[in-house]
């Protein structure tokens, strides 16, 4: 969540050195997810949202969003995922962030958002 908040703030604030920070952060996100073979939909959705805010290539974003979609369970939505170190979270939170990631990808593909 911290990386997502950081990426969003840096993007929305149009701060200096954005491309340098974005490159370093995006590669760290990708390495972390690949090393762990992440299947957690909440973590993957947060990574996808971060990659979107960091303006990285669409292929990297599309791969993360595809992982989010693959974890959807028909009629049950997305499962519970732990949000913080205390064990809090909810299926609704996971669903909200997963839908945000899917929406941004759709918006990019359709030209609705940049």
Protein backbone atom coordinates (compact mmCIF):
# COMPACT_ATOMS: atom_id res chain seq x y z
CA UNK A 1 0.00 0.00 0.00
CA UNK A 2 2.90 2.34 0.71
CA UNK A 3 4.29 1.95 -2.79
CA UNK A 4 0.86 2.57 -4.29
CA UNK A 5 0.40 5.73 -2.18
CA UNK A 6 3.91 6.90 -3.12
CA UNK A 7 3.38 6.26 -6.84
CA UNK A 8 0.01 8.00 -6.83
CA UNK A 9 1.30 11.06 -4.97
CA UNK A 10 4.39 11.36 -7.17
CA UNK A 11 2.26 11.04 -10.33
CA UNK A 12 -0.50 13.40 -9.26
CA UNK A 13 1.93 15.94 -7.85
CA UNK A 14 3.95 16.12 -11.08
CA UNK A 15 7.10 16.16 -8.98
CA UNK A 16 10.59 16.49 -10.48
CA UNK A 17 12.61 13.42 -11.50
CA UNK A 18 9.40 11.44 -12.02
CA UNK A 19 10.81 9.25 -14.81
CA UNK A 20 13.89 8.29 -12.78
CA UNK A 21 11.85 7.44 -9.68
CA UNK A 22 9.25 5.63 -11.79
CA UNK A 23 11.84 3.41 -13.46
CA UNK A 24 13.44 2.35 -10.20
CA UNK A 25 10.14 1.76 -8.41
CA UNK A 26 8.53 -0.11 -11.31
CA UNK A 27 11.46 -2.48 -11.68
CA UNK A 28 11.36 -3.18 -7.94
CA UNK A 29 7.65 -3.97 -8.12
CA UNK A 30 8.12 -6.31 -11.07
CA UNK A 31 11.06 -8.13 -9.46
CA UNK A 32 9.18 -8.57 -6.21
CA UNK A 33 6.09 -10.00 -7.87
CA UNK A 34 8.06 -12.33 -10.11
CA UNK A 35 10.24 -13.61 -7.27
CA UNK A 36 7.20 -14.42 -5.15
CA UNK A 37 5.06 -15.67 -8.06
CA UNK A 38 2.36 -13.55 -6.48
CA UNK A 39 -1.17 -14.88 -6.69
CA UNK A 40 -2.67 -12.60 -4.04
CA UNK A 41 -5.28 -10.43 -5.79
CA UNK A 42 -4.96 -7.48 -3.41
CA UNK A 43 -1.18 -7.29 -3.71
CA UNK A 44 -1.38 -7.74 -7.47
CA UNK A 45 -4.08 -5.07 -7.81
CA UNK A 46 -2.00 -2.61 -5.78
CA UNK A 47 1.01 -3.40 -7.96
CA UNK A 48 -1.05 -2.84 -11.13
CA UNK A 49 -2.37 0.48 -9.83
CA UNK A 50 1.17 1.53 -8.89
CA UNK A 51 2.50 0.59 -12.33
CA UNK A 52 -0.27 2.64 -13.93
CA UNK A 53 0.60 5.69 -11.83
CA UNK A 54 4.28 5.24 -12.67
CA UNK A 55 3.44 5.35 -16.40
CA UNK A 56 5.29 2.13 -17.21
CA UNK A 57 4.69 0.09 -20.33
CA UNK A 58 1.22 -1.22 -20.95
CA UNK A 59 2.45 -4.80 -21.29
CA UNK A 60 3.67 -4.88 -17.68
CA UNK A 61 0.39 -3.38 -16.50
CA UNK A 62 -1.69 -5.73 -18.63
CA UNK A 63 0.11 -8.78 -17.20
CA UNK A 64 -0.67 -7.70 -13.63
CA UNK A 65 -4.30 -6.94 -14.44
CA UNK A 66 -4.63 -10.36 -16.10
CA UNK A 67 -3.43 -11.94 -12.83
CA UNK A 68 -6.06 -9.95 -10.93
CA UNK A 69 -8.80 -11.12 -13.29
CA UNK A 70 -7.63 -14.73 -13.03
CA UNK A 71 -8.18 -14.73 -9.26
CA UNK A 72 -11.86 -13.79 -9.57
CA UNK A 73 -14.21 -16.52 -8.34
CA UNK A 74 -17.61 -16.54 -10.05
CA UNK A 75 -20.44 -15.59 -7.68
CA UNK A 76 -17.98 -14.99 -4.85
CA UNK A 77 -15.87 -12.18 -6.22
CA UNK A 78 -12.34 -11.81 -4.96
CA UNK A 79 -11.26 -13.53 -1.76
CA UNK A 80 -10.16 -12.02 1.53
CA UNK A 81 -6.61 -10.71 1.44
CA UNK A 82 -4.61 -9.35 4.32
CA UNK A 83 -4.25 -5.59 3.98
CA UNK A 84 -1.75 -4.85 6.75
CA UNK A 85 0.53 -6.48 9.29
CA UNK A 86 -2.30 -6.81 11.81
CA UNK A 87 -4.26 -9.14 9.55
CA UNK A 88 -7.02 -6.73 8.63
CA UNK A 89 -8.68 -6.75 5.24
CA UNK A 90 -11.94 -7.69 3.59
CA UNK A 91 -13.30 -9.18 0.38
CA UNK A 92 -14.87 -5.76 -0.31
CA UNK A 93 -11.49 -4.00 -0.12
CA UNK A 94 -9.88 -6.57 -2.39
CA UNK A 95 -12.79 -6.27 -4.83
CA UNK A 96 -12.65 -2.46 -4.86
CA UNK A 97 -8.93 -2.35 -5.65
CA UNK A 98 -9.20 -5.20 -8.17
CA UNK A 99 -12.01 -3.35 -9.96
CA UNK A 100 -9.96 -0.15 -9.95
CA UNK A 101 -7.07 -1.99 -11.63
CA UNK A 102 -9.38 -3.58 -14.20
CA UNK A 103 -11.04 -0.22 -14.86
CA UNK A 104 -7.76 1.57 -15.45
CA UNK A 105 -6.59 -1.13 -17.86
CA UNK A 106 -9.87 -0.96 -19.77
CA UNK A 107 -9.62 2.82 -19.85
CA UNK A 108 -6.11 2.62 -21.27
CA UNK A 109 -7.10 0.07 -23.90
CA UNK A 110 -10.16 2.07 -24.95
CA UNK A 111 -8.42 5.47 -24.78
CA UNK A 112 -10.60 6.77 -21.93
CA UNK A 113 -7.64 7.57 -19.68
CA UNK A 114 -3.98 8.27 -20.27
